[in-house]
Structure formats: C-alpha cells, structure tokens
C-alpha cells in the first residue's frame, strides 16, 4: 500500500510582507478620498484619540494623505503632522519594548513620511534592528535548549534499565 500523500504545508506568515501589503491597501484607499473627506476623518480621529493607530484609520495617516494630495502646501496638515510626530515616536518606542516590531516599523515609516530628516528616526530604526536581533537570539537559544533537553530525554530513555534483584528473605522456622 502506498503511504498517504502529505498535506501541503502553508508557507509561514511573513509579518513584514503582510504589513507592506496592508500599507499599500491603506494608501490606495486614502488616495481615493477627497481632501475634504480626509480632513473630516482626521478631525474625528483626533477627537477619538486615534493619533497614529489603528493602521489606516488614524489622524496621522489622514494628514499625510492630505499633504500628498494637496497641490499647494497645506499648513493645517503640516502643523498637525508636526504635533503628532512625538506621539508616533512614543508609540514606536512602546512597540519596541512590547516586541511588536511590525508596529514599530509602521510608525517609523509614518515618521519618515512626515519628516525624513527627523533626528529620532535613526535611533528608532537602530532600536528596531537591535530588538529584532535580540528576539531572534532569544528564539535561537530557546530552540537550542529544547534540542538539548530532547537529546537528554532520548539518551535517558535509551539507557538499559538494570533489573532490580532483591535478595530472598530467609524463612524462619
């Protein structure tokens, strides 16, 4: 009899690719809105304290879309973006602490779109890279410990067990 065919294994999820795809979808959706619609949505987002999140529905992205669509400098959008920048920085730093590097990258990208020369950008990017590296090292060490524990378990299971021989108890008459 032939062995049953193995089920196809799904490719592992790539959070960075998923985030890039989501960012493109968001940019396309925002580009379809008028400046007035973007302004209204930005006002609601500010009122609701959605300063830089969730992705695609926050004041910072709305103001960036206004700036990108405007044919002349939009002072309101520029001012709002400068006011929102420190909040995005804090959000990125918190995401790094939480180990959410996809979110930290998203916020760093919003900051770069707001001001490509922002002094905090290199530091945030370095912190993201260092955080990713440290997380990868922790994962590697945990996998190594698991392999060692499994090897020890297998070695212990392979050792022959000596039979326990008990001396006969003398019979007393």
C-alpha atoms as a PDB file:
ATOM      1  CA  UNK A   1       0.000   0.000   0.000  1.00  0.00           C
ATOM      2  CA  UNK A   2       1.197   3.488  -0.797  1.00  0.00           C
ATOM      3  CA  UNK A   3       1.583   5.930   2.027  1.00  0.00           C
ATOM      4  CA  UNK A   4      -0.978   8.726   2.020  1.00  0.00           C
ATOM      5  CA  UNK A   5       0.235  11.907   0.420  1.00  0.00           C
ATOM      6  CA  UNK A   6       1.359  14.569   2.847  1.00  0.00           C
ATOM      7  CA  UNK A   7      -0.906  17.557   3.120  1.00  0.00           C
ATOM      8  CA  UNK A   8       0.598  20.701   1.613  1.00  0.00           C
ATOM      9  CA  UNK A   9       2.214  22.879   4.224  1.00  0.00           C
ATOM     10  CA  UNK A  10       1.290  26.540   4.117  1.00  0.00           C
ATOM     11  CA  UNK A  11       4.191  28.909   3.826  1.00  0.00           C
ATOM     12  CA  UNK A  12       4.959  30.621   7.136  1.00  0.00           C
ATOM     13  CA  UNK A  13       3.383  34.020   7.506  1.00  0.00           C
ATOM     14  CA  UNK A  14       5.662  36.958   6.766  1.00  0.00           C
ATOM     15  CA  UNK A  15       4.563  39.814   9.022  1.00  0.00           C
ATOM     16  CA  UNK A  16       6.699  42.342   7.140  1.00  0.00           C
ATOM     17  CA  UNK A  17       5.187  41.367   3.775  1.00  0.00           C
ATOM     18  CA  UNK A  18       1.704  41.390   5.280  1.00  0.00           C
ATOM     19  CA  UNK A  19       2.346  44.856   6.729  1.00  0.00           C
ATOM     20  CA  UNK A  20       3.635  46.156   3.382  1.00  0.00           C
ATOM     21  CA  UNK A  21       0.566  44.767   1.633  1.00  0.00           C
ATOM     22  CA  UNK A  22      -1.731  46.361   4.223  1.00  0.00           C
ATOM     23  CA  UNK A  23       0.116  49.685   3.928  1.00  0.00           C
ATOM     24  CA  UNK A  24      -0.349  49.674   0.146  1.00  0.00           C
ATOM     25  CA  UNK A  25      -4.046  48.858   0.500  1.00  0.00           C
ATOM     26  CA  UNK A  26      -4.405  51.705   3.013  1.00  0.00           C
ATOM     27  CA  UNK A  27      -2.569  54.146   0.741  1.00  0.00           C
ATOM     28  CA  UNK A  28      -4.823  53.169  -2.167  1.00  0.00           C
ATOM     29  CA  UNK A  29      -7.957  53.610  -0.056  1.00  0.00           C
ATOM     30  CA  UNK A  30      -6.841  57.003   1.251  1.00  0.00           C
ATOM     31  CA  UNK A  31      -5.886  58.207  -2.223  1.00  0.00           C
ATOM     32  CA  UNK A  32      -9.458  57.553  -3.319  1.00  0.00           C
ATOM     33  CA  UNK A  33     -10.817  60.047  -0.753  1.00  0.00           C
ATOM     34  CA  UNK A  34     -11.130  63.756  -1.355  1.00  0.00           C
ATOM     35  CA  UNK A  35      -9.203  66.255   0.735  1.00  0.00           C
ATOM     36  CA  UNK A  36     -12.464  67.284   2.433  1.00  0.00           C
ATOM     37  CA  UNK A  37     -13.233  63.654   3.336  1.00  0.00           C
ATOM     38  CA  UNK A  38      -9.710  63.202   4.642  1.00  0.00           C
ATOM     39  CA  UNK A  39      -9.962  66.395   6.700  1.00  0.00           C
ATOM     40  CA  UNK A  40     -13.259  65.218   8.232  1.00  0.00           C
ATOM     41  CA  UNK A  41     -11.836  61.801   9.045  1.00  0.00           C
ATOM     42  CA  UNK A  42      -8.708  63.382  10.533  1.00  0.00           C
ATOM     43  CA  UNK A  43     -10.848  65.560  12.805  1.00  0.00           C
ATOM     44  CA  UNK A  44     -12.845  62.565  14.010  1.00  0.00           C
ATOM     45  CA  UNK A  45      -9.656  60.551  14.551  1.00  0.00           C
ATOM     46  CA  UNK A  46      -8.153  63.373  16.621  1.00  0.00           C
ATOM     47  CA  UNK A  47     -11.311  63.694  18.672  1.00  0.00           C
ATOM     48  CA  UNK A  48     -11.314  59.907  19.249  1.00  0.00           C
ATOM     49  CA  UNK A  49      -7.601  59.938  20.187  1.00  0.00           C
ATOM     50  CA  UNK A  50      -6.664  57.751  17.215  1.00  0.00           C
ATOM     51  CA  UNK A  51      -3.473  59.707  16.685  1.00  0.00           C
ATOM     52  CA  UNK A  52      -1.354  57.049  14.928  1.00  0.00           C
ATOM     53  CA  UNK A  53      -3.365  53.852  15.219  1.00  0.00           C
ATOM     54  CA  UNK A  54      -5.048  51.713  14.184  1.00  0.00           C
ATOM     55  CA  UNK A  55      -3.280  51.398  10.862  1.00  0.00           C
ATOM     56  CA  UNK A  56      -5.283  53.020   8.089  1.00  0.00           C
ATOM     57  CA  UNK A  57      -7.708  54.837  10.368  1.00  0.00           C
ATOM     58  CA  UNK A  58      -5.783  57.474  12.279  1.00  0.00           C
ATOM     59  CA  UNK A  59      -5.142  61.195  12.195  1.00  0.00           C
ATOM     60  CA  UNK A  60      -1.521  60.924  11.130  1.00  0.00           C
ATOM     61  CA  UNK A  61      -2.279  58.883   8.015  1.00  0.00           C
ATOM     62  CA  UNK A  62      -5.176  61.148   7.092  1.00  0.00           C
ATOM     63  CA  UNK A  63      -2.994  64.253   7.350  1.00  0.00           C
ATOM     64  CA  UNK A  64      -0.244  62.564   5.341  1.00  0.00           C
ATOM     65  CA  UNK A  65      -2.810  61.773   2.639  1.00  0.00           C
ATOM     66  CA  UNK A  66      -3.976  65.411   2.670  1.00  0.00           C
ATOM     67  CA  UNK A  67      -0.388  66.585   2.257  1.00  0.00           C
ATOM     68  CA  UNK A  68       0.215  64.132  -0.586  1.00  0.00           C
ATOM     69  CA  UNK A  69      -2.965  65.168  -2.421  1.00  0.00           C
ATOM     70  CA  UNK A  70      -2.585  68.911  -1.938  1.00  0.00           C
ATOM     71  CA  UNK A  71      -1.211  70.869  -4.856  1.00  0.00           C
ATOM     72  CA  UNK A  72      -0.076  73.652  -2.548  1.00  0.00           C
ATOM     73  CA  UNK A  73       1.359  73.410   0.967  1.00  0.00           C
ATOM     74  CA  UNK A  74      -1.385  72.633   3.471  1.00  0.00           C
ATOM     75  CA  UNK A  75      -0.469  74.494   6.641  1.00  0.00           C
ATOM     76  CA  UNK A  76      -3.094  72.725   8.763  1.00  0.00           C
ATOM     77  CA  UNK A  77      -1.862  69.266   7.722  1.00  0.00           C
ATOM     78  CA  UNK A  78       1.792  70.233   8.209  1.00  0.00           C
ATOM     79  CA  UNK A  79       1.114  71.655  11.659  1.00  0.00           C
ATOM     80  CA  UNK A  80      -0.935  68.615  12.683  1.00  0.00           C
ATOM     81  CA  UNK A  81       1.775  66.251  11.475  1.00  0.00           C
ATOM     82  CA  UNK A  82       4.444  68.052  13.479  1.00  0.00           C
ATOM     83  CA  UNK A  83       2.181  67.913  16.545  1.00  0.00           C
ATOM     84  CA  UNK A  84       1.571  64.175  16.036  1.00  0.00           C
ATOM     85  CA  UNK A  85       5.212  63.238  15.492  1.00  0.00           C
ATOM     86  CA  UNK A  86       6.147  62.927  19.212  1.00  0.00           C
ATOM     87  CA  UNK A  87       3.168  60.639  19.792  1.00  0.00           C
ATOM     88  CA  UNK A  88       4.247  58.377  16.923  1.00  0.00           C
ATOM     89  CA  UNK A  89       7.756  58.322  18.403  1.00  0.00           C
ATOM     90  CA  UNK A  90       6.412  57.278  21.810  1.00  0.00           C
ATOM     91  CA  UNK A  91       4.210  54.664  20.139  1.00  0.00           C
ATOM     92  CA  UNK A  92       7.188  53.257  18.222  1.00  0.00           C
ATOM     93  CA  UNK A  93       9.280  53.102  21.387  1.00  0.00           C
ATOM     94  CA  UNK A  94       6.479  51.298  23.228  1.00  0.00           C
ATOM     95  CA  UNK A  95       6.027  48.850  20.341  1.00  0.00           C
ATOM     96  CA  UNK A  96       9.761  48.063  20.517  1.00  0.00           C
ATOM     97  CA  UNK A  97       9.502  47.429  24.268  1.00  0.00           C
ATOM     98  CA  UNK A  98       6.494  45.172  23.604  1.00  0.00           C
ATOM     99  CA  UNK A  99       8.408  43.294  20.899  1.00  0.00           C
ATOM    100  CA  UNK A 100       5.917  44.380  18.218  1.00  0.00           C
ATOM    101  CA  UNK A 101       8.476  45.220  15.558  1.00  0.00           C
ATOM    102  CA  UNK A 102       5.932  45.284  12.729  1.00  0.00           C
ATOM    103  CA  UNK A 103       4.056  48.086  14.513  1.00  0.00           C
ATOM    104  CA  UNK A 104       7.310  49.861  15.348  1.00  0.00           C
ATOM    105  CA  UNK A 105       8.291  49.720  11.656  1.00  0.00           C
ATOM    106  CA  UNK A 106       4.882  51.062  10.623  1.00  0.00           C
ATOM    107  CA  UNK A 107       5.233  54.006  12.988  1.00  0.00           C
ATOM    108  CA  UNK A 108       8.818  54.658  11.902  1.00  0.00           C
ATOM    109  CA  UNK A 109       7.563  54.755   8.309  1.00  0.00           C
ATOM    110  CA  UNK A 110       4.842  57.281   9.264  1.00  0.00           C
ATOM    111  CA  UNK A 111       7.502  59.367  10.974  1.00  0.00           C
ATOM    112  CA  UNK A 112       9.755  59.171   7.899  1.00  0.00           C
ATOM    113  CA  UNK A 113       6.883  60.220   5.646  1.00  0.00           C
ATOM    114  CA  UNK A 114       6.201  63.120   7.996  1.00  0.00           C
ATOM    115  CA  UNK A 115       9.832  64.234   8.249  1.00  0.00           C
ATOM    116  CA  UNK A 116      12.527  62.159   6.566  1.00  0.00           C
ATOM    117  CA  UNK A 117      15.169  64.161   8.447  1.00  0.00           C
ATOM    118  CA  UNK A 118      13.668  63.680  11.924  1.00  0.00           C
ATOM    119  CA  UNK A 119      16.543  63.295  14.403  1.00  0.00           C
ATOM    120  CA  UNK A 120      14.803  60.418  16.184  1.00  0.00           C
ATOM    121  CA  UNK A 121      14.482  58.225  13.068  1.00  0.00           C
ATOM    122  CA  UNK A 122      17.985  56.706  13.087  1.00  0.00           C
ATOM    123  CA  UNK A 123      17.674  55.887  16.788  1.00  0.00           C
ATOM    124  CA  UNK A 124      14.270  54.252  16.320  1.00  0.00           C
ATOM    125  CA  UNK A 125      15.470  52.240  13.323  1.00  0.00           C
ATOM    126  CA  UNK A 126      18.537  51.096  15.277  1.00  0.00           C
ATOM    127  CA  UNK A 127      16.350  50.137  18.248  1.00  0.00           C
ATOM    128  CA  UNK A 128      14.052  48.130  15.952  1.00  0.00           C
ATOM    129  CA  UNK A 129      17.037  46.327  14.404  1.00  0.00           C
ATOM    130  CA  UNK A 130      18.560  45.636  17.837  1.00  0.00           C
ATOM    131  CA  UNK A 131      15.207  44.445  19.175  1.00  0.00           C
ATOM    132  CA  UNK A 132      14.680  42.103  16.231  1.00  0.00           C
ATOM    133  CA  UNK A 133      18.217  40.760  16.658  1.00  0.00           C
ATOM    134  CA  UNK A 134      17.723  40.184  20.389  1.00  0.00           C
ATOM    135  CA  UNK A 135      14.383  38.460  19.775  1.00  0.00           C
ATOM    136  CA  UNK A 136      15.980  36.203  17.154  1.00  0.00           C
ATOM    137  CA  UNK A 137      18.792  35.338  19.577  1.00  0.00           C
ATOM    138  CA  UNK A 138      16.282  34.512  22.341  1.00  0.00           C
ATOM    139  CA  UNK A 139      14.418  32.267  19.915  1.00  0.00           C
ATOM    140  CA  UNK A 140      17.651  30.583  18.832  1.00  0.00           C
ATOM    141  CA  UNK A 141      18.686  29.965  22.459  1.00  0.00           C
ATOM    142  CA  UNK A 142      15.250  28.587  23.374  1.00  0.00           C
ATOM    143  CA  UNK A 143      15.366  26.218  20.399  1.00  0.00           C
ATOM    144  CA  UNK A 144      18.882  25.099  21.384  1.00  0.00           C
ATOM    145  CA  UNK A 145      17.753  24.437  24.974  1.00  0.00           C
ATOM    146  CA  UNK A 146      14.773  22.457  23.671  1.00  0.00           C
ATOM    147  CA  UNK A 147      17.059  20.371  21.419  1.00  0.00           C
ATOM    148  CA  UNK A 148      19.415  19.690  24.333  1.00  0.00           C
ATOM    149  CA  UNK A 149      16.549  18.693  26.619  1.00  0.00           C
ATOM    150  CA  UNK A 150      15.168  16.350  23.949  1.00  0.00           C
ATOM    151  CA  UNK A 151      18.606  14.799  23.409  1.00  0.00           C
ATOM    152  CA  UNK A 152      18.959  14.232  27.154  1.00  0.00           C
ATOM    153  CA  UNK A 153      15.479  12.701  27.305  1.00  0.00           C
ATOM    154  CA  UNK A 154      16.266  10.359  24.415  1.00  0.00           C
ATOM    155  CA  UNK A 155      19.635   9.395  25.928  1.00  0.00           C
ATOM    156  CA  UNK A 156      17.978   8.605  29.254  1.00  0.00           C
ATOM    157  CA  UNK A 157      15.276   6.559  27.525  1.00  0.00           C
ATOM    158  CA  UNK A 158      17.899   4.581  25.576  1.00  0.00           C
ATOM    159  CA  UNK A 159      19.848   3.565  28.694  1.00  0.00           C
ATOM    160  CA  UNK A 160      19.079  -0.024  29.684  1.00  0.00           C
ATOM    161  CA  UNK A 161      17.350  -0.300  32.967  1.00  0.00           C
ATOM    162  CA  UNK A 162      19.088  -2.732  35.275  1.00  0.00           C
ATOM    163  CA  UNK A 163      16.665  -5.196  36.779  1.00  0.00           C
ATOM    164  CA  UNK A 164      16.166  -4.806  40.457  1.00  0.00           C
ATOM    165  CA  UNK A 165      17.080  -8.016  42.164  1.00  0.00           C
ATOM    166  CA  UNK A 166      16.056  -8.422  45.716  1.00  0.00           C
ATOM    167  CA  UNK A 167      17.628 -10.949  47.970  1.00  0.00           C
ATOM    168  CA  UNK A 168      15.282 -13.669  49.091  1.00  0.00           C
ATOM    169  CA  UNK A 169      14.093 -13.215  52.593  1.00  0.00           C
ATOM    170  CA  UNK A 170      15.105 -16.062  54.852  1.00  0.00           C
ATOM    171  CA  UNK A 171      12.286 -18.211  56.005  1.00  0.00           C
ATOM    172  CA  UNK A 172      12.235 -18.644  59.718  1.00  0.00           C
ATOM    173  CA  UNK A 173      11.071 -21.863  61.163  1.00  0.00           C
END
